[in-house]
Amino acid sequence: MKLYTDKSGKFQMLIPIQWEYKNTSFFKDKNSPNAFGQYDGMIGAFQLSCKPVTEHIANLIKTKNLPTQSSDSILKFSEDKFEDKTICSYMWSCAVDDHFIFITYILDPKISKRKPAIKELEDVSKTIANIKFIKPQYRDIVLTQRRYSLFMSSMAAAIDLRNKAIENRSFIEFVVLTANRIDGMLRLAIILANQLEGNHSEIDPSIIFQDDQDKPIMERKIYQIVLDRNIIDQNTFGKLELLYKERNKVIHRYIITDIRTADVVRIAQEYQTVEETVDKIVNGLEMQQYKSKVGINNGEAAPGERLVGDELQALQTRIRDKHGGVKWE
Protein backbone atom coordinates (compact mmCIF):
# COMPACT_ATOMS: atom_id res chain seq x y z
CA MET A 1 0.00 0.00 0.00
CA LYS A 2 1.05 3.65 -0.37
CA LEU A 3 0.52 6.74 1.75
CA TYR A 4 -2.06 9.33 0.76
CA THR A 5 -2.15 12.69 2.54
CA ASP A 6 -5.14 14.99 2.16
CA LYS A 7 -4.37 18.36 0.50
CA SER A 8 -5.47 20.18 3.66
CA GLY A 9 -3.37 17.92 5.90
CA LYS A 10 -6.43 16.80 7.87
CA PHE A 11 -5.99 13.08 7.36
CA GLN A 12 -3.67 10.39 6.08
CA MET A 13 -4.29 6.82 5.01
CA LEU A 14 -2.64 3.93 3.22
CA ILE A 15 -4.37 3.09 -0.04
CA PRO A 16 -3.86 0.11 -2.40
CA ILE A 17 -0.83 0.60 -4.60
CA GLN A 18 -2.96 0.10 -7.72
CA TRP A 19 -5.25 3.02 -6.81
CA GLU A 20 -4.88 6.61 -7.94
CA TYR A 21 -6.36 9.88 -6.76
CA LYS A 22 -9.13 10.65 -9.23
CA ASN A 23 -10.20 14.21 -8.37
CA THR A 24 -7.87 15.93 -10.82
CA SER A 25 -9.40 13.92 -13.65
CA PHE A 26 -13.03 13.69 -12.57
CA PHE A 27 -13.86 16.78 -10.53
CA LYS A 28 -13.40 20.52 -10.97
CA ASP A 29 -15.11 21.50 -7.71
CA LYS A 30 -12.57 21.80 -4.89
CA ASN A 31 -15.28 20.84 -2.40
CA SER A 32 -15.82 17.45 -4.02
CA PRO A 33 -14.96 14.42 -1.89
CA ASN A 34 -11.58 12.74 -2.29
CA ALA A 35 -12.10 10.06 -4.95
CA PHE A 36 -9.96 6.99 -5.63
CA GLY A 37 -10.02 4.01 -7.95
CA GLN A 38 -7.83 1.68 -9.94
CA TYR A 39 -5.61 3.12 -12.66
CA ASP A 40 -7.32 1.12 -15.39
CA GLY A 41 -10.65 -0.63 -15.53
CA MET A 42 -12.17 0.68 -12.31
CA ILE A 43 -14.13 -1.88 -10.31
CA GLY A 44 -15.72 0.46 -7.80
CA ALA A 45 -15.54 4.10 -6.72
CA PHE A 46 -14.14 5.00 -3.29
CA GLN A 47 -14.90 8.50 -1.98
CA LEU A 48 -14.06 10.18 1.31
CA SER A 49 -15.02 13.56 2.74
CA CYS A 50 -13.67 15.07 5.96
CA LYS A 51 -15.57 18.20 7.00
CA PRO A 52 -15.89 20.38 10.10
CA VAL A 53 -18.98 19.65 12.17
CA THR A 54 -21.76 22.07 11.24
CA GLU A 55 -25.24 22.25 12.74
CA HIS A 56 -26.54 19.99 9.99
CA ILE A 57 -23.72 17.47 10.49
CA ALA A 58 -24.19 17.62 14.28
CA ASN A 59 -27.83 16.62 13.79
CA LEU A 60 -26.73 13.78 11.52
CA ILE A 61 -24.23 12.57 14.13
CA LYS A 62 -26.94 12.69 16.77
CA THR A 63 -29.43 10.82 14.56
CA LYS A 64 -26.88 8.10 13.82
CA ASN A 65 -25.95 8.01 17.52
CA LEU A 66 -22.24 8.29 16.70
CA PRO A 67 -19.76 8.85 19.53
CA THR A 68 -17.23 11.65 19.05
CA GLN A 69 -13.86 9.92 18.98
CA SER A 70 -10.42 11.30 19.76
CA SER A 71 -7.81 11.61 17.02
CA ASP A 72 -5.38 10.08 19.52
CA SER A 73 -7.13 6.71 19.17
CA ILE A 74 -7.71 4.23 16.35
CA LEU A 75 -10.87 5.36 14.59
CA LYS A 76 -13.91 3.12 14.46
CA PHE A 77 -16.49 3.62 11.72
CA SER A 78 -20.17 2.77 11.65
CA GLU A 79 -21.11 0.90 8.48
CA ASP A 80 -24.27 0.85 6.37
CA LYS A 81 -25.10 -0.84 3.09
CA PHE A 82 -27.69 -0.18 0.44
CA GLU A 83 -28.27 -2.40 -2.57
CA ASP A 84 -30.84 -2.67 -5.34
CA LYS A 85 -30.77 -3.77 -8.96
CA THR A 86 -28.81 -0.71 -10.10
CA ILE A 87 -26.32 0.04 -7.31
CA CYS A 88 -24.43 -1.50 -4.43
CA SER A 89 -23.37 1.18 -1.97
CA TYR A 90 -21.35 0.82 1.23
CA MET A 91 -21.17 3.77 3.65
CA TRP A 92 -18.95 4.41 6.65
CA SER A 93 -19.08 7.38 9.03
CA CYS A 94 -17.14 8.62 12.01
CA ALA A 95 -17.12 11.73 14.22
CA VAL A 96 -13.57 12.63 15.32
CA ASP A 97 -12.61 15.73 17.31
CA ASP A 98 -14.45 18.58 15.55
CA HIS A 99 -14.77 16.81 12.17
CA PHE A 100 -16.99 14.26 10.46
CA ILE A 101 -15.60 11.64 8.08
CA PHE A 102 -17.98 10.09 5.57
CA ILE A 103 -16.91 7.35 3.14
CA THR A 104 -18.72 5.61 0.31
CA TYR A 105 -17.76 2.71 -1.90
CA ILE A 106 -20.06 2.18 -4.89
CA LEU A 107 -20.06 -0.57 -7.49
CA ASP A 108 -22.33 -2.35 -9.92
CA PRO A 109 -24.28 -5.16 -8.15
CA LYS A 110 -23.74 -7.34 -11.23
CA ILE A 111 -20.04 -7.64 -10.38
CA SER A 112 -20.20 -7.35 -6.56
CA LYS A 113 -19.88 -11.14 -6.09
CA ARG A 114 -16.94 -11.57 -8.45
CA LYS A 115 -13.42 -12.13 -7.11
CA PRO A 116 -11.95 -8.77 -8.20
CA ALA A 117 -14.79 -6.88 -6.48
CA ILE A 118 -14.50 -9.01 -3.32
CA LYS A 119 -10.73 -8.37 -3.27
CA GLU A 120 -11.20 -4.63 -3.72
CA LEU A 121 -13.76 -4.50 -0.93
CA GLU A 122 -11.13 -6.13 1.29
CA ASP A 123 -8.70 -3.38 0.23
CA VAL A 124 -11.34 -0.78 1.08
CA SER A 125 -11.64 -2.25 4.58
CA LYS A 126 -7.86 -2.14 5.04
CA THR A 127 -7.78 1.48 3.89
CA ILE A 128 -10.52 2.53 6.29
CA ALA A 129 -8.82 0.69 9.16
CA ASN A 130 -5.69 2.86 8.92
CA ILE A 131 -7.22 6.33 8.46
CA LYS A 132 -5.57 8.83 10.80
CA PHE A 133 -7.05 12.26 11.56
CA ILE A 134 -4.31 14.87 11.98
CA LYS A 135 -4.49 17.44 14.77
CA PRO A 136 -4.19 21.09 13.60
CA GLN A 137 -0.79 21.61 15.24
CA TYR A 138 0.76 18.81 13.14
CA ARG A 139 -0.77 19.63 9.77
CA ASP A 140 2.01 21.93 8.55
CA ILE A 141 4.54 19.16 9.18
CA VAL A 142 2.37 16.60 7.40
CA LEU A 143 1.79 18.92 4.43
CA THR A 144 5.52 19.64 4.10
CA GLN A 145 6.24 15.91 4.04
CA ARG A 146 3.53 15.50 1.41
CA ARG A 147 5.00 18.31 -0.67
CA TYR A 148 8.51 16.83 -0.51
CA SER A 149 7.23 13.41 -1.56
CA LEU A 150 5.40 14.92 -4.55
CA PHE A 151 8.50 16.95 -5.45
CA MET A 152 10.67 13.82 -5.54
CA SER A 153 8.02 11.94 -7.52
CA SER A 154 7.94 14.76 -10.06
CA MET A 155 11.72 14.60 -10.36
CA ALA A 156 11.47 10.89 -11.14
CA ALA A 157 8.65 11.50 -13.63
CA ALA A 158 10.78 14.12 -15.41
CA ILE A 159 13.55 11.53 -15.83
CA ASP A 160 10.99 9.09 -17.19
CA LEU A 161 9.84 11.65 -19.77
CA ARG A 162 13.39 12.53 -20.68
CA ASN A 163 14.29 8.91 -21.31
CA LYS A 164 11.44 8.78 -23.80
CA ALA A 165 12.69 12.02 -25.37
CA ILE A 166 16.09 10.37 -25.86
CA GLU A 167 14.47 7.34 -27.47
CA ASN A 168 12.54 9.60 -29.84
CA ARG A 169 15.48 11.95 -30.50
CA SER A 170 13.31 14.83 -29.28
CA PHE A 171 16.09 17.30 -28.55
CA ILE A 172 13.95 20.28 -27.63
CA GLU A 173 12.03 18.16 -25.14
CA PHE A 174 15.34 16.86 -23.76
CA VAL A 175 16.57 20.45 -23.24
CA VAL A 176 13.37 21.48 -21.43
CA LEU A 177 13.30 18.45 -19.13
CA THR A 178 17.02 18.58 -18.32
CA ALA A 179 16.73 22.28 -17.43
CA ASN A 180 13.77 21.38 -15.21
CA ARG A 181 15.70 18.62 -13.51
CA ILE A 182 18.76 20.82 -12.89
CA ASP A 183 16.48 23.42 -11.31
CA GLY A 184 14.93 20.70 -9.14
CA MET A 185 18.30 19.29 -8.10
CA LEU A 186 19.58 22.74 -7.12
CA ARG A 187 16.45 23.29 -5.02
CA LEU A 188 17.12 19.95 -3.36
CA ALA A 189 20.73 21.02 -2.78
CA ILE A 190 19.50 24.13 -0.91
CA ILE A 191 17.34 21.96 1.35
CA LEU A 192 20.20 19.53 2.04
CA ALA A 193 22.63 22.35 2.79
CA ASN A 194 20.13 24.04 5.13
CA GLN A 195 19.68 20.80 7.05
CA LEU A 196 23.41 20.20 7.36
CA GLU A 197 24.09 23.75 8.53
CA GLY A 198 21.14 23.80 10.95
CA ASN A 199 21.52 20.19 12.13
CA HIS A 200 17.82 19.47 11.49
CA SER A 201 15.45 17.76 9.05
CA GLU A 202 13.23 20.74 8.24
CA ILE A 203 12.14 21.51 4.67
CA ASP A 204 11.13 24.92 3.36
CA PRO A 205 8.12 24.12 1.14
CA SER A 206 8.45 27.43 -0.74
CA ILE A 207 11.61 26.05 -2.34
CA ILE A 208 9.93 22.98 -3.80
CA PHE A 209 6.35 24.07 -4.55
CA GLN A 210 4.57 26.96 -6.22
CA ASP A 211 0.81 27.26 -5.98
CA ASP A 212 -1.05 29.58 -8.34
CA GLN A 213 -1.17 32.41 -5.79
CA ASP A 214 2.40 31.96 -4.49
CA LYS A 215 5.19 34.39 -5.29
CA PRO A 216 7.52 32.26 -7.42
CA ILE A 217 11.18 31.64 -6.70
CA MET A 218 12.38 31.70 -10.30
CA GLU A 219 15.01 29.46 -11.84
CA ARG A 220 17.68 32.18 -12.12
CA LYS A 221 17.05 33.17 -8.50
CA ILE A 222 17.87 29.58 -7.53
CA TYR A 223 21.13 29.85 -9.51
CA GLN A 224 22.05 32.97 -7.54
CA ILE A 225 21.14 31.39 -4.19
CA VAL A 226 23.32 28.31 -4.73
CA LEU A 227 26.19 30.50 -5.91
CA ASP A 228 25.92 32.78 -2.87
CA ARG A 229 25.80 29.71 -0.61
CA ASN A 230 28.93 28.27 -2.29
CA ILE A 231 26.96 25.18 -3.31
CA ILE A 232 28.12 25.75 -6.90
CA ASP A 233 31.19 27.65 -8.15
CA GLN A 234 31.33 30.67 -10.44
CA ASN A 235 32.18 28.53 -13.47
CA THR A 236 29.05 26.39 -13.06
CA PHE A 237 26.95 29.50 -12.44
CA GLY A 238 28.22 31.04 -15.68
CA LYS A 239 27.35 27.92 -17.65
CA LEU A 240 23.84 27.83 -16.15
CA GLU A 241 23.27 31.48 -17.03
CA LEU A 242 24.43 30.96 -20.62
CA LEU A 243 22.35 27.81 -21.05
CA TYR A 244 19.31 29.59 -19.63
CA LYS A 245 19.53 32.19 -22.41
CA GLU A 246 20.13 29.59 -25.10
CA ARG A 247 17.32 27.42 -23.77
CA ASN A 248 14.90 30.34 -24.03
CA LYS A 249 15.95 30.84 -27.63
CA VAL A 250 15.21 27.16 -28.31
CA ILE A 251 11.75 27.37 -26.72
CA HIS A 252 10.57 30.84 -27.68
CA ARG A 253 12.57 31.88 -30.75
CA TYR A 254 13.30 28.74 -32.74
CA ILE A 255 11.36 30.13 -35.70
CA ILE A 256 12.37 33.79 -35.62
CA THR A 257 16.14 33.33 -35.16
CA ASP A 258 18.83 31.50 -37.12
CA ILE A 259 19.16 28.80 -34.49
CA ARG A 260 19.39 25.34 -36.11
CA THR A 261 18.36 21.94 -34.87
CA ALA A 262 22.08 21.10 -34.78
CA ASP A 263 22.47 23.95 -32.27
CA VAL A 264 19.69 22.44 -30.17
CA VAL A 265 21.62 19.16 -30.10
CA ARG A 266 24.73 21.00 -28.91
CA ILE A 267 22.76 22.80 -26.20
CA ALA A 268 21.31 19.47 -25.08
CA GLN A 269 24.82 18.03 -24.75
CA GLU A 270 26.01 21.04 -22.76
CA TYR A 271 23.02 20.77 -20.46
CA GLN A 272 23.84 17.12 -19.85
CA THR A 273 27.42 18.04 -18.88
CA VAL A 274 26.22 20.66 -16.37
CA GLU A 275 23.63 18.21 -15.05
CA GLU A 276 26.39 15.71 -14.26
CA THR A 277 28.19 18.41 -12.26
CA VAL A 278 25.02 19.26 -10.31
CA ASP A 279 24.34 15.58 -9.66
CA LYS A 280 27.79 15.16 -8.10
CA ILE A 281 27.17 18.17 -5.85
CA VAL A 282 23.82 16.82 -4.62
CA ASN A 283 25.23 13.31 -4.17
CA GLY A 284 28.01 14.81 -2.04
CA LEU A 285 25.52 16.64 0.18
CA GLU A 286 23.44 13.47 0.54
CA MET A 287 26.50 11.49 1.58
CA GLN A 288 27.40 14.18 4.12
CA GLN A 289 23.97 13.80 5.64
CA TYR A 290 24.24 10.03 5.66
CA LYS A 291 27.62 10.07 7.41
CA SER A 292 26.63 12.75 9.92
CA LYS A 293 23.13 11.30 10.53
CA VAL A 294 21.54 14.69 9.80
CA GLY A 295 18.60 15.61 7.60
CA ILE A 296 16.44 13.57 5.25
CA ASN A 297 19.27 11.17 4.38
CA ASN A 298 19.99 10.07 7.95
CA GLY A 299 18.45 6.59 7.53
CA GLU A 300 20.02 3.17 7.24
CA ALA A 301 20.12 3.06 3.42
CA ALA A 302 23.01 4.91 1.82
CA PRO A 303 22.14 7.47 -0.90
CA GLY A 304 22.14 5.96 -4.37
CA GLU A 305 21.37 2.39 -3.32
CA ARG A 306 19.30 0.53 -5.90
CA LEU A 307 15.58 0.28 -5.20
CA VAL A 308 14.11 -3.21 -5.21
CA GLY A 309 10.77 -4.92 -4.55
CA ASP A 310 8.09 -2.83 -2.86
CA GLU A 311 10.19 0.37 -2.89
CA LEU A 312 10.65 0.15 -6.65
CA GLN A 313 6.96 -0.59 -7.20
CA ALA A 314 5.99 2.36 -4.99
CA LEU A 315 8.25 4.69 -7.02
CA GLN A 316 6.77 3.42 -10.27
CA THR A 317 3.24 4.14 -9.06
CA ARG A 318 4.21 7.64 -7.90
CA ILE A 319 5.62 8.33 -11.37
CA ARG A 320 2.39 7.02 -12.86
CA ASP A 321 0.40 9.31 -10.55
CA LYS A 322 2.39 12.29 -11.82
CA HIS A 323 1.74 11.34 -15.44
CA GLY A 324 -1.99 11.21 -14.67
CA GLY A 325 -3.02 8.35 -16.94
CA VAL A 326 -0.85 9.22 -19.95
CA LYS A 327 0.46 6.02 -21.52
CA TRP A 328 3.12 5.14 -24.06
CA GLU A 329 3.16 2.07 -26.26
Foldseek 3Di string as FASTA:
>chain_A
DDKDADLQLFKIWDADLQKFFCCVPPHDDPQFFTWMAGLPDGAKIKTKDKAFDDPVNVVVCVVVVADAAELVDFWDWDWDWDDDQAKTKIWTWHHYDRIIMIMMIIGHPVCCPPPVNVVVVVSVVNGSRGMGGDDPVCRVVVNLVVLVVLLVLVLVLLVVVLVVCVVVVVLLSLLVSLLVNLLSLLLLLVQLVVFVVVQAADDDSLSRDDDPPDDHCDSLNSLVVCPVVVLDDPVLSVLNVVLVVVSCCSVPPPPPDPDDVVNSVVSSVSSVVSSVVSVVSSLVSLQVCCVVLIYPNNDDDRPPDDDDDPRVSSSVSSSVNVVPSDDDD
